[in-house]
Amino acid sequence: MMLALGLAAGSLTTTLRPAAVASAQQSMGNMKMESKSAGDMQMNAAMTRMMQNMAAMKLTGEQDRDFMLMMTPHHQSAIDMAKIELRRGTRPELKALAKDIIKSQSQEIAQMHSWLTTWYGIGSHR
């Protein structure tokens, strides 16, 4: 998670990203080996998709643009994991939190997409 936050915040340079992503993917692979439930596998898959999407980003050095491009898959991963919690979780408090995450981060993604389109003419958001 720390790597994802670092990538989203733009603290790693483009030249370091492939090595950082490879390290994160190795860590995700190790987590998969320890997984015992379908929910664990689904959560790992959500994180792996996020890392792959973030690694595929073509950063420009324009901080505002790159921030939104990197935060979109980060937020989407949180939404995906929250949906898994709704399906598989048992604690009402966490289900309520998952619903809040889905709502707030979906709204934030929509806002970022709107800004990307308005400010940068990016329709595909990549």
Protein backbone atom coordinates (compact mmCIF):
# COMPACT_ATOMS: atom_id res chain seq x y z
CA MET A 1 0.00 0.00 0.00
CA MET A 2 2.84 2.38 0.78
CA LEU A 3 4.22 1.90 -2.72
CA ALA A 4 0.84 2.70 -4.21
CA LEU A 5 0.64 5.87 -2.15
CA GLY A 6 4.14 6.83 -3.20
CA LEU A 7 3.31 6.25 -6.85
CA ALA A 8 0.07 8.18 -6.56
CA ALA A 9 1.80 11.08 -4.86
CA GLY A 10 4.43 11.14 -7.60
CA SER A 11 7.32 10.65 -5.18
CA LEU A 12 9.01 8.07 -7.41
CA THR A 13 10.59 9.07 -10.66
CA THR A 14 9.64 7.45 -13.93
CA THR A 15 12.99 5.66 -14.06
CA LEU A 16 12.38 4.03 -10.68
CA ARG A 17 8.82 2.94 -11.43
CA PRO A 18 9.59 -0.35 -13.23
CA ALA A 19 11.79 -1.58 -10.37
CA ALA A 20 9.26 -0.42 -7.77
CA VAL A 21 6.43 -2.11 -9.63
CA ALA A 22 8.42 -5.34 -9.97
CA SER A 23 9.07 -5.28 -6.22
CA ALA A 24 5.38 -4.66 -5.50
CA GLN A 25 4.34 -7.44 -7.85
CA GLN A 26 6.75 -9.83 -6.11
CA SER A 27 5.21 -8.83 -2.78
CA MET A 28 1.73 -9.38 -4.21
CA GLY A 29 2.86 -12.79 -5.44
CA ASN A 30 4.04 -13.67 -1.96
CA MET A 31 0.68 -12.57 -0.55
CA LYS A 32 -1.09 -14.82 -3.05
CA MET A 33 0.86 -17.82 -1.84
CA GLU A 34 -0.27 -17.11 1.72
CA SER A 35 -3.90 -16.53 0.71
CA LYS A 36 -6.38 -18.99 2.08
CA SER A 37 -9.74 -17.70 0.91
CA ALA A 38 -11.43 -16.59 -2.28
CA GLY A 39 -11.78 -13.13 -0.72
CA ASP A 40 -8.01 -12.94 -0.23
CA MET A 41 -7.47 -13.84 -3.88
CA GLN A 42 -10.00 -11.22 -5.00
CA MET A 43 -8.32 -8.54 -2.89
CA ASN A 44 -4.91 -9.47 -4.29
CA ALA A 45 -6.32 -9.33 -7.82
CA ALA A 46 -7.67 -5.81 -7.18
CA MET A 47 -4.27 -4.66 -5.95
CA THR A 48 -2.46 -6.31 -8.86
CA ARG A 49 -4.77 -4.58 -11.37
CA MET A 50 -4.07 -1.26 -9.66
CA MET A 51 -0.30 -1.75 -9.83
CA GLN A 52 -0.46 -2.79 -13.48
CA ASN A 53 -2.62 0.21 -14.39
CA MET A 54 -0.36 2.60 -12.51
CA ALA A 55 2.78 1.12 -14.07
CA ALA A 56 1.26 1.60 -17.55
CA MET A 57 0.72 5.33 -16.98
CA LYS A 58 2.74 7.70 -19.12
CA LEU A 59 3.67 10.44 -16.70
CA THR A 60 4.45 13.87 -18.09
CA GLY A 61 5.93 15.76 -15.17
CA GLU A 62 2.77 17.89 -14.99
CA GLN A 63 2.06 17.26 -11.32
CA ASP A 64 -1.68 18.01 -11.32
CA ARG A 65 -2.38 15.87 -14.39
CA ASP A 66 -0.18 12.99 -13.28
CA PHE A 67 -1.68 13.07 -9.77
CA MET A 68 -5.18 12.60 -11.15
CA LEU A 69 -4.07 9.89 -13.58
CA MET A 70 -2.39 7.94 -10.79
CA MET A 71 -5.15 8.47 -8.24
CA THR A 72 -7.83 7.10 -10.54
CA PRO A 73 -6.63 3.45 -10.46
CA HIS A 74 -5.76 3.86 -6.79
CA HIS A 75 -9.35 4.90 -6.01
CA GLN A 76 -10.76 2.21 -8.32
CA SER A 77 -8.82 -0.42 -6.41
CA ALA A 78 -10.31 0.83 -3.15
CA ILE A 79 -13.79 0.61 -4.72
CA ASP A 80 -13.10 -2.93 -5.95
CA MET A 81 -11.93 -4.01 -2.50
CA ALA A 82 -14.92 -2.34 -0.84
CA LYS A 83 -17.24 -4.31 -3.12
CA ILE A 84 -15.50 -7.50 -2.05
CA GLU A 85 -16.03 -6.49 1.58
CA LEU A 86 -19.74 -5.98 0.90
CA ARG A 87 -20.02 -9.45 -0.63
CA ARG A 88 -17.82 -11.36 1.78
CA GLY A 89 -17.47 -9.35 4.99
CA THR A 90 -19.48 -9.94 8.12
CA ARG A 91 -19.02 -6.85 10.29
CA PRO A 92 -21.73 -4.21 9.82
CA GLU A 93 -19.27 -1.42 10.64
CA LEU A 94 -16.96 -2.47 7.82
CA LYS A 95 -19.84 -2.90 5.40
CA ALA A 96 -20.92 0.67 6.20
CA LEU A 97 -17.36 1.88 5.65
CA ALA A 98 -17.20 -0.03 2.36
CA LYS A 99 -20.39 1.70 1.18
CA ASP A 100 -18.91 5.08 2.10
CA ILE A 101 -15.70 4.28 0.23
CA ILE A 102 -17.62 3.25 -2.89
CA LYS A 103 -19.70 6.43 -2.83
CA SER A 104 -16.93 8.92 -2.03
CA GLN A 105 -14.23 7.48 -4.24
CA SER A 106 -16.62 7.02 -7.18
CA GLN A 107 -17.49 10.71 -6.87
CA GLU A 108 -13.81 11.64 -6.69
CA ILE A 109 -13.01 9.58 -9.80
CA ALA A 110 -15.85 11.31 -11.68
CA GLN A 111 -14.55 14.71 -10.56
CA MET A 112 -11.00 13.89 -11.65
CA HIS A 113 -12.25 12.61 -15.02
CA SER A 114 -14.15 15.86 -15.48
CA TRP A 115 -11.08 17.94 -14.66
CA LEU A 116 -8.85 15.82 -16.92
CA THR A 117 -11.26 16.38 -19.78
CA THR A 118 -11.70 20.11 -19.10
CA TRP A 119 -8.12 21.01 -18.31
CA TYR A 120 -6.15 18.55 -20.44
CA GLY A 121 -8.58 17.28 -23.10
CA ILE A 122 -7.99 13.72 -21.96
CA GLY A 123 -11.04 11.65 -22.82
CA SER A 124 -9.60 8.23 -22.02
CA HIS A 125 -8.06 9.43 -18.72
CA ARG A 126 -4.75 7.70 -19.42
